[in-house]
N, C-alpha and C. Protein backbone atom coordinates (compact mmCIF):
# COMPACT_ATOMS: atom_id res chain seq x y z
N MET A 1 -14.02 -24.20 -7.77
CA MET A 1 -12.74 -23.92 -7.13
C MET A 1 -11.66 -23.92 -8.22
N ASN A 2 -10.58 -23.24 -7.98
CA ASN A 2 -9.57 -23.19 -8.92
C ASN A 2 -8.22 -23.80 -8.50
N GLU A 3 -8.29 -24.70 -7.54
CA GLU A 3 -7.18 -25.50 -7.16
C GLU A 3 -6.00 -24.70 -6.66
N GLY A 4 -6.17 -23.59 -6.10
CA GLY A 4 -5.06 -22.77 -5.57
C GLY A 4 -4.29 -22.00 -6.54
N HIS A 5 -4.79 -21.69 -7.68
CA HIS A 5 -4.11 -20.87 -8.72
C HIS A 5 -4.78 -19.56 -8.78
N PRO A 6 -4.16 -18.54 -8.20
CA PRO A 6 -4.86 -17.20 -8.11
C PRO A 6 -5.25 -16.60 -9.48
N TRP A 7 -4.63 -16.93 -10.50
CA TRP A 7 -5.01 -16.24 -11.82
C TRP A 7 -6.00 -17.06 -12.62
N GLN A 8 -6.34 -18.25 -12.14
CA GLN A 8 -7.33 -19.10 -12.90
C GLN A 8 -8.73 -18.69 -12.50
N GLY A 9 -9.64 -18.89 -13.40
CA GLY A 9 -11.06 -18.56 -13.16
C GLY A 9 -11.31 -17.03 -13.15
N ASN A 10 -12.48 -16.64 -12.65
CA ASN A 10 -12.85 -15.32 -12.47
C ASN A 10 -12.39 -14.72 -11.18
N TRP A 11 -11.03 -14.37 -11.14
CA TRP A 11 -10.51 -13.96 -9.91
C TRP A 11 -11.12 -12.62 -9.43
N PRO A 12 -11.49 -11.70 -10.19
CA PRO A 12 -12.12 -10.47 -9.60
C PRO A 12 -13.42 -10.88 -8.84
N ALA A 13 -14.20 -11.73 -9.43
CA ALA A 13 -15.41 -12.11 -8.73
C ALA A 13 -15.13 -12.85 -7.41
N ARG A 14 -14.11 -13.67 -7.45
CA ARG A 14 -13.70 -14.43 -6.23
C ARG A 14 -13.15 -13.39 -5.18
N LEU A 15 -12.39 -12.43 -5.63
CA LEU A 15 -11.89 -11.47 -4.69
C LEU A 15 -13.05 -10.69 -4.00
N TYR A 16 -14.01 -10.18 -4.75
CA TYR A 16 -15.01 -9.41 -4.18
C TYR A 16 -16.03 -10.32 -3.34
N GLU A 17 -16.08 -11.53 -3.75
CA GLU A 17 -16.95 -12.48 -2.94
C GLU A 17 -16.38 -12.64 -1.53
N ARG A 18 -15.04 -12.79 -1.49
CA ARG A 18 -14.39 -12.98 -0.25
C ARG A 18 -14.51 -11.68 0.64
N VAL A 19 -14.40 -10.53 0.02
CA VAL A 19 -14.56 -9.33 0.71
C VAL A 19 -15.89 -9.19 1.38
N ARG A 20 -16.97 -9.55 0.54
CA ARG A 20 -18.34 -9.48 1.02
C ARG A 20 -18.56 -10.55 2.17
N GLU A 21 -17.99 -11.69 2.06
CA GLU A 21 -18.05 -12.69 3.04
C GLU A 21 -17.54 -12.25 4.44
N LEU A 22 -16.58 -11.37 4.35
CA LEU A 22 -15.95 -10.79 5.65
C LEU A 22 -16.76 -9.57 6.12
N GLY A 23 -17.80 -9.20 5.39
CA GLY A 23 -18.65 -8.15 5.84
C GLY A 23 -18.37 -6.77 5.31
N TYR A 24 -17.55 -6.62 4.25
CA TYR A 24 -17.18 -5.37 3.72
C TYR A 24 -17.89 -5.14 2.41
N ASP A 25 -18.23 -3.88 2.09
CA ASP A 25 -18.90 -3.57 0.78
C ASP A 25 -17.89 -3.19 -0.26
N SER A 26 -16.66 -3.07 0.06
CA SER A 26 -15.65 -2.77 -0.90
C SER A 26 -14.29 -3.29 -0.50
N LEU A 27 -13.44 -3.55 -1.41
CA LEU A 27 -12.06 -3.95 -1.14
C LEU A 27 -11.34 -2.90 -0.38
N THR A 28 -11.64 -1.61 -0.74
CA THR A 28 -11.02 -0.47 -0.01
C THR A 28 -11.39 -0.47 1.45
N ALA A 29 -12.59 -0.66 1.79
CA ALA A 29 -13.00 -0.76 3.18
C ALA A 29 -12.28 -1.88 3.97
N PHE A 30 -12.19 -3.04 3.24
CA PHE A 30 -11.45 -4.14 3.81
C PHE A 30 -10.02 -3.78 4.06
N ALA A 31 -9.31 -3.18 3.08
CA ALA A 31 -7.93 -2.85 3.20
C ALA A 31 -7.67 -1.70 4.20
N GLU A 32 -8.56 -0.75 4.26
CA GLU A 32 -8.39 0.33 5.17
C GLU A 32 -8.59 -0.06 6.63
N SER A 33 -9.33 -1.21 6.76
CA SER A 33 -9.49 -1.71 8.22
C SER A 33 -8.27 -2.36 8.61
N ARG A 34 -7.27 -2.56 7.76
CA ARG A 34 -5.98 -3.15 8.10
C ARG A 34 -4.91 -2.33 7.46
N PRO A 35 -4.79 -1.07 7.82
CA PRO A 35 -3.90 -0.08 7.13
C PRO A 35 -2.40 -0.44 7.10
N THR A 36 -1.96 -1.22 7.98
CA THR A 36 -0.49 -1.58 8.06
C THR A 36 -0.18 -2.96 7.55
N ALA A 37 -1.20 -3.73 7.11
CA ALA A 37 -0.99 -5.07 6.57
C ALA A 37 -0.37 -4.97 5.19
N SER A 38 0.46 -5.84 4.88
CA SER A 38 1.08 -5.91 3.50
C SER A 38 0.00 -6.38 2.54
N LEU A 39 0.24 -6.19 1.25
CA LEU A 39 -0.68 -6.77 0.25
C LEU A 39 -0.74 -8.22 0.29
N VAL A 40 0.36 -8.87 0.62
CA VAL A 40 0.37 -10.31 0.73
C VAL A 40 -0.46 -10.72 1.90
N ALA A 41 -0.35 -10.06 3.00
CA ALA A 41 -1.18 -10.38 4.22
C ALA A 41 -2.66 -10.21 3.89
N LEU A 42 -2.98 -9.18 3.17
CA LEU A 42 -4.44 -8.97 2.79
C LEU A 42 -4.85 -10.08 1.91
N ALA A 43 -4.03 -10.50 0.99
CA ALA A 43 -4.42 -11.60 0.07
C ALA A 43 -4.53 -12.89 0.81
N GLU A 44 -3.68 -13.16 1.76
CA GLU A 44 -3.73 -14.39 2.50
C GLU A 44 -5.01 -14.43 3.35
N GLU A 45 -5.47 -13.29 3.83
CA GLU A 45 -6.64 -13.30 4.59
C GLU A 45 -7.86 -13.53 3.74
N LEU A 46 -7.80 -13.05 2.48
CA LEU A 46 -8.90 -13.25 1.57
C LEU A 46 -8.96 -14.65 0.93
N GLY A 47 -7.76 -15.22 0.82
CA GLY A 47 -7.76 -16.59 0.22
C GLY A 47 -6.28 -17.03 0.16
N PRO A 48 -5.85 -17.83 1.15
CA PRO A 48 -4.40 -18.16 1.25
C PRO A 48 -3.87 -18.85 0.00
N ASP A 49 -4.71 -19.57 -0.74
CA ASP A 49 -4.21 -20.28 -1.87
C ASP A 49 -4.65 -19.75 -3.25
N ASP A 50 -5.58 -18.84 -3.26
CA ASP A 50 -6.18 -18.46 -4.57
C ASP A 50 -6.42 -16.93 -4.75
N ILE A 51 -5.75 -16.14 -3.92
CA ILE A 51 -5.79 -14.67 -4.10
C ILE A 51 -4.36 -14.19 -3.94
N ALA A 52 -3.92 -13.37 -4.86
CA ALA A 52 -2.53 -12.77 -4.85
C ALA A 52 -2.59 -11.38 -4.50
N GLY A 53 -1.39 -10.88 -3.84
CA GLY A 53 -1.33 -9.51 -3.50
C GLY A 53 -1.54 -8.56 -4.67
N ALA A 54 -0.99 -8.96 -5.81
CA ALA A 54 -1.16 -8.07 -7.00
C ALA A 54 -2.64 -7.91 -7.43
N GLN A 55 -3.48 -8.96 -7.11
CA GLN A 55 -4.87 -8.85 -7.43
C GLN A 55 -5.53 -7.93 -6.45
N VAL A 56 -5.12 -7.99 -5.22
CA VAL A 56 -5.72 -7.03 -4.27
C VAL A 56 -5.36 -5.59 -4.68
N PHE A 57 -4.10 -5.38 -5.03
CA PHE A 57 -3.72 -4.03 -5.40
C PHE A 57 -4.45 -3.54 -6.67
N SER A 58 -4.63 -4.45 -7.63
CA SER A 58 -5.32 -4.15 -8.83
C SER A 58 -6.78 -3.66 -8.52
N GLY A 59 -7.48 -4.43 -7.64
CA GLY A 59 -8.76 -4.07 -7.21
C GLY A 59 -8.79 -2.69 -6.50
N LEU A 60 -7.78 -2.46 -5.60
CA LEU A 60 -7.73 -1.22 -4.90
C LEU A 60 -7.48 -0.07 -5.85
N VAL A 61 -6.71 -0.23 -6.85
CA VAL A 61 -6.47 0.85 -7.77
C VAL A 61 -7.76 1.17 -8.55
N ALA A 62 -8.41 0.13 -8.99
CA ALA A 62 -9.74 0.32 -9.76
C ALA A 62 -10.73 1.10 -8.90
N GLU A 63 -10.85 0.70 -7.63
CA GLU A 63 -11.75 1.43 -6.73
C GLU A 63 -11.31 2.84 -6.51
N ALA A 64 -10.04 3.06 -6.34
CA ALA A 64 -9.50 4.42 -6.09
C ALA A 64 -9.75 5.30 -7.29
N GLU A 65 -9.54 4.77 -8.46
CA GLU A 65 -9.78 5.57 -9.66
C GLU A 65 -11.22 5.93 -9.75
N ARG A 66 -12.15 5.00 -9.54
CA ARG A 66 -13.59 5.32 -9.59
C ARG A 66 -13.99 6.32 -8.56
N SER A 67 -13.42 6.35 -7.40
CA SER A 67 -13.78 7.29 -6.35
C SER A 67 -12.90 8.51 -6.31
N HIS A 68 -11.93 8.65 -7.23
CA HIS A 68 -11.03 9.78 -7.23
C HIS A 68 -10.22 9.93 -6.02
N ARG A 69 -9.68 8.74 -5.58
CA ARG A 69 -8.93 8.76 -4.29
C ARG A 69 -7.58 7.98 -4.49
N VAL A 70 -6.99 8.13 -5.70
CA VAL A 70 -5.81 7.48 -5.92
C VAL A 70 -4.66 8.01 -5.03
N THR A 71 -4.60 9.27 -4.77
CA THR A 71 -3.50 9.77 -3.89
C THR A 71 -3.57 9.20 -2.48
N ARG A 72 -4.80 8.99 -2.01
CA ARG A 72 -4.95 8.32 -0.71
C ARG A 72 -4.47 6.87 -0.79
N LEU A 73 -4.81 6.18 -1.84
CA LEU A 73 -4.32 4.85 -2.01
C LEU A 73 -2.80 4.81 -2.03
N VAL A 74 -2.18 5.76 -2.70
CA VAL A 74 -0.73 5.84 -2.83
C VAL A 74 -0.09 6.03 -1.44
N ARG A 75 -0.72 6.88 -0.64
CA ARG A 75 -0.14 7.16 0.70
C ARG A 75 -0.33 5.86 1.53
N GLY A 76 -1.47 5.20 1.32
CA GLY A 76 -1.72 4.01 2.10
C GLY A 76 -0.70 2.88 1.73
N GLN A 77 -0.31 2.85 0.49
CA GLN A 77 0.71 1.85 0.10
C GLN A 77 2.05 2.09 0.72
N LEU A 78 2.40 3.39 0.90
CA LEU A 78 3.64 3.73 1.56
C LEU A 78 3.55 3.28 3.02
N VAL A 79 2.45 3.47 3.63
CA VAL A 79 2.26 2.89 4.97
C VAL A 79 2.58 1.44 5.05
N ARG A 80 1.98 0.72 4.13
CA ARG A 80 2.21 -0.78 4.03
C ARG A 80 3.68 -1.18 3.91
N GLU A 81 4.31 -0.44 2.99
CA GLU A 81 5.78 -0.73 2.72
C GLU A 81 6.64 -0.34 3.89
N LEU A 82 6.35 0.76 4.50
CA LEU A 82 7.15 1.17 5.69
C LEU A 82 7.06 0.15 6.83
N TRP A 83 5.84 -0.29 7.04
CA TRP A 83 5.61 -1.28 8.18
C TRP A 83 6.28 -2.63 7.82
N GLU A 84 6.35 -2.94 6.59
CA GLU A 84 7.02 -4.17 6.15
C GLU A 84 8.47 -4.09 6.26
N CYS A 85 9.09 -2.96 5.72
CA CYS A 85 10.52 -2.82 5.64
C CYS A 85 11.16 -2.15 6.79
N LEU A 86 10.45 -1.35 7.52
CA LEU A 86 10.95 -0.68 8.73
C LEU A 86 10.15 -0.96 9.97
N PRO A 87 10.17 -2.20 10.44
CA PRO A 87 9.39 -2.58 11.56
C PRO A 87 9.57 -1.77 12.88
N ASP A 88 10.72 -1.15 12.99
CA ASP A 88 11.03 -0.34 14.16
C ASP A 88 10.81 1.13 13.80
N GLY A 89 10.26 1.37 12.73
CA GLY A 89 10.02 2.82 12.34
C GLY A 89 11.24 3.37 11.59
N TRP A 90 11.12 4.66 11.30
CA TRP A 90 12.21 5.31 10.57
C TRP A 90 13.52 5.30 11.35
N PRO A 91 14.60 4.86 10.76
CA PRO A 91 15.86 4.73 11.51
C PRO A 91 16.40 6.15 11.95
N ALA A 92 17.05 6.06 13.13
CA ALA A 92 17.71 7.28 13.63
C ALA A 92 18.89 7.68 12.90
N VAL A 93 19.55 6.63 12.35
CA VAL A 93 20.80 6.87 11.56
C VAL A 93 20.62 6.10 10.20
N LEU A 94 21.02 6.80 9.15
CA LEU A 94 20.94 6.14 7.80
C LEU A 94 22.33 5.59 7.48
N ASP A 95 22.73 4.54 8.18
CA ASP A 95 23.97 3.87 7.82
C ASP A 95 23.63 2.94 6.60
N ASP A 96 24.57 2.22 6.13
CA ASP A 96 24.36 1.39 4.96
C ASP A 96 23.18 0.49 5.06
N ALA A 97 23.08 -0.24 6.20
CA ALA A 97 21.99 -1.23 6.38
C ALA A 97 20.58 -0.51 6.38
N ASN A 98 20.57 0.57 7.14
CA ASN A 98 19.29 1.26 7.19
C ASN A 98 18.95 2.02 5.87
N ARG A 99 19.92 2.49 5.21
CA ARG A 99 19.69 3.19 3.93
C ARG A 99 19.08 2.12 2.84
N PHE A 100 19.58 0.90 3.00
CA PHE A 100 19.02 -0.19 2.17
C PHE A 100 17.60 -0.46 2.44
N LYS A 101 17.25 -0.49 3.72
CA LYS A 101 15.90 -0.76 4.24
C LYS A 101 14.92 0.35 3.72
N VAL A 102 15.36 1.59 3.87
CA VAL A 102 14.64 2.73 3.40
C VAL A 102 14.41 2.72 1.91
N ALA A 103 15.57 2.49 1.17
CA ALA A 103 15.49 2.43 -0.26
C ALA A 103 14.53 1.30 -0.72
N LYS A 104 14.61 0.18 0.01
CA LYS A 104 13.64 -0.95 -0.36
C LYS A 104 12.22 -0.47 -0.21
N ALA A 105 11.89 0.15 0.91
CA ALA A 105 10.59 0.54 1.14
C ALA A 105 10.10 1.57 0.04
N LEU A 106 10.93 2.54 -0.24
CA LEU A 106 10.59 3.50 -1.22
C LEU A 106 10.55 2.88 -2.63
N GLY A 107 11.43 1.97 -2.97
CA GLY A 107 11.39 1.35 -4.24
C GLY A 107 10.17 0.45 -4.45
N LEU A 108 9.76 -0.29 -3.43
CA LEU A 108 8.54 -1.14 -3.51
C LEU A 108 7.35 -0.20 -3.61
N TRP A 109 7.33 0.89 -2.88
CA TRP A 109 6.27 1.83 -2.94
C TRP A 109 6.11 2.43 -4.43
N SER A 110 7.20 2.80 -4.93
CA SER A 110 7.19 3.28 -6.35
C SER A 110 6.73 2.26 -7.36
N GLY A 111 7.08 1.04 -7.10
CA GLY A 111 6.68 -0.10 -7.97
C GLY A 111 5.16 -0.39 -7.90
N PHE A 112 4.56 0.01 -6.87
CA PHE A 112 3.07 -0.15 -6.71
C PHE A 112 2.31 1.14 -6.93
N THR A 113 3.03 2.15 -7.55
CA THR A 113 2.42 3.46 -7.78
C THR A 113 1.83 3.48 -9.23
N PRO A 114 0.58 3.87 -9.27
CA PRO A 114 0.00 4.03 -10.66
C PRO A 114 0.78 5.13 -11.37
N GLU A 115 0.86 5.02 -12.71
CA GLU A 115 1.71 5.92 -13.52
C GLU A 115 1.35 7.33 -13.32
N THR A 116 0.02 7.63 -13.04
CA THR A 116 -0.37 9.02 -12.84
C THR A 116 0.30 9.70 -11.65
N HIS A 117 0.85 8.91 -10.74
CA HIS A 117 1.43 9.50 -9.44
C HIS A 117 2.91 9.20 -9.35
N ILE A 118 3.57 8.62 -10.33
CA ILE A 118 4.99 8.19 -10.18
C ILE A 118 5.84 9.45 -9.89
N GLU A 119 5.67 10.54 -10.61
CA GLU A 119 6.52 11.80 -10.36
C GLU A 119 6.34 12.33 -9.02
N ARG A 120 5.11 12.32 -8.52
CA ARG A 120 4.90 12.82 -7.18
C ARG A 120 5.48 11.93 -6.07
N VAL A 121 5.46 10.65 -6.32
CA VAL A 121 6.07 9.70 -5.40
C VAL A 121 7.60 9.84 -5.42
N ARG A 122 8.16 10.05 -6.54
CA ARG A 122 9.62 10.27 -6.58
C ARG A 122 10.05 11.51 -5.81
N ARG A 123 9.28 12.59 -5.95
CA ARG A 123 9.54 13.79 -5.23
C ARG A 123 9.35 13.64 -3.72
N ALA A 124 8.32 12.91 -3.39
CA ALA A 124 8.06 12.70 -1.93
C ALA A 124 9.17 11.75 -1.34
N GLY A 125 9.69 10.81 -2.08
CA GLY A 125 10.72 10.01 -1.60
C GLY A 125 12.04 10.80 -1.46
N ASP A 126 12.28 11.78 -2.41
CA ASP A 126 13.49 12.61 -2.31
C ASP A 126 13.39 13.50 -1.03
N VAL A 127 12.11 13.99 -0.70
CA VAL A 127 11.93 14.83 0.44
C VAL A 127 12.22 14.01 1.71
N LEU A 128 11.67 12.80 1.78
CA LEU A 128 11.91 11.94 2.94
C LEU A 128 13.35 11.72 3.18
N LEU A 129 14.11 11.48 2.13
CA LEU A 129 15.56 11.25 2.28
C LEU A 129 16.34 12.58 2.64
N ALA A 130 15.91 13.70 2.04
CA ALA A 130 16.57 14.93 2.33
C ALA A 130 16.27 15.48 3.72
N HIS A 131 15.03 15.25 4.14
CA HIS A 131 14.55 15.81 5.43
C HIS A 131 13.83 14.58 6.12
N PRO A 132 14.61 13.71 6.75
CA PRO A 132 14.05 12.50 7.31
C PRO A 132 13.04 12.83 8.45
N PRO A 133 12.04 11.97 8.52
CA PRO A 133 11.03 12.14 9.67
C PRO A 133 11.79 11.77 11.01
N PRO A 134 11.11 12.02 12.14
CA PRO A 134 11.74 11.67 13.37
C PRO A 134 11.98 10.21 13.48
N PRO A 135 13.07 9.84 14.17
CA PRO A 135 13.41 8.41 14.44
C PRO A 135 12.19 7.70 15.04
N GLY A 136 11.85 6.54 14.51
CA GLY A 136 10.76 5.72 15.01
C GLY A 136 9.41 6.01 14.33
N TRP A 137 9.41 7.01 13.43
CA TRP A 137 8.17 7.42 12.78
C TRP A 137 7.66 6.25 11.97
N ARG A 138 6.38 5.80 12.18
CA ARG A 138 5.70 4.83 11.46
C ARG A 138 4.27 5.28 11.33
N PRO A 139 3.87 5.72 10.19
CA PRO A 139 2.49 6.18 10.02
C PRO A 139 1.53 5.05 10.17
N LEU A 140 0.37 5.35 10.74
CA LEU A 140 -0.61 4.28 11.08
C LEU A 140 -1.60 4.19 9.95
N GLY A 141 -1.60 5.06 9.00
CA GLY A 141 -2.55 5.09 7.98
C GLY A 141 -2.27 6.19 6.94
N PRO A 142 -3.11 6.22 5.88
CA PRO A 142 -2.95 7.22 4.82
C PRO A 142 -3.26 8.66 5.25
N ASP A 143 -3.85 8.85 6.41
CA ASP A 143 -4.14 10.20 6.83
C ASP A 143 -3.11 10.78 7.76
N ASP A 144 -1.96 10.10 7.91
CA ASP A 144 -0.84 10.64 8.68
C ASP A 144 -0.54 12.02 8.26
N GLU A 145 -0.30 12.91 9.18
CA GLU A 145 -0.07 14.35 8.85
C GLU A 145 1.16 14.51 7.94
N LEU A 146 2.23 13.87 8.18
CA LEU A 146 3.40 14.01 7.31
C LEU A 146 3.15 13.53 5.93
N LEU A 147 2.48 12.36 5.89
CA LEU A 147 2.14 11.82 4.52
C LEU A 147 1.19 12.79 3.72
N ARG A 148 0.21 13.38 4.47
CA ARG A 148 -0.65 14.28 3.73
C ARG A 148 0.09 15.58 3.28
N THR A 149 1.18 15.91 3.99
CA THR A 149 1.98 17.05 3.58
C THR A 149 2.81 16.69 2.32
N LEU A 150 3.33 15.44 2.31
CA LEU A 150 4.11 15.00 1.23
C LEU A 150 3.28 14.80 -0.04
N LEU A 151 2.09 14.17 0.15
CA LEU A 151 1.21 13.85 -1.00
C LEU A 151 -0.20 14.36 -0.68
N PRO A 152 -0.43 15.65 -0.81
CA PRO A 152 -1.83 16.15 -0.46
C PRO A 152 -2.76 15.65 -1.56
N ASP A 153 -4.01 15.51 -1.14
CA ASP A 153 -5.07 15.06 -2.08
C ASP A 153 -5.21 16.15 -3.11
N GLU A 154 -5.01 15.73 -4.38
CA GLU A 154 -5.21 16.64 -5.53
C GLU A 154 -5.88 15.87 -6.67
N GLU A 155 -6.90 15.14 -6.30
CA GLU A 155 -7.59 14.29 -7.33
C GLU A 155 -8.28 15.19 -8.34
N ALA A 156 -8.28 14.78 -9.61
CA ALA A 156 -8.97 15.45 -10.63
C ALA A 156 -10.41 14.95 -10.78
C-alpha cells in the first residue's frame, strides 16, 4: 500500500489492477462505460486515496495512442468537461456568467488535449463559439453527431 499518495509506488500497475478488479480489460473500456464522469470521479472510483485524475488521463492517452483513437479520446474529454462545467447543457444565452462557464469547459478541454490535437481543438472551440449548439445540448459520449462533425476521426 502507498498510504494514500497517488504518485508513490508503481501507480500504473495499481491503476490497471483496479480496472481489472472492476471487470474491465482496459482503462478505456472502464472510462467509456462512464462517458460523462469527470477524470476525478473516475479516479475516485478506482481508488479514492491513491489514484489521481491525471493518472487516469495519462493511461487513457497511452491506450488511445496504441489503438490510434486519440481523436475519439479528445471528443470524450470534451464530453466530460461539458458535463462538469455546464450541468444544464449549452446555455441559451452567452451572458458573462455563461460565457465564463463555456470558456472554462473549453479551456479545461484544451488543457487535457495531447499536443497532436491542440490546433484541431482550438478550431473546434472557435466553431462552437461562433455557431453555438442548441440550448441544452449535452453530448452523451464521444460519438455525438455534432462532436464527430467538429472532430472527425482522422487517425494516422
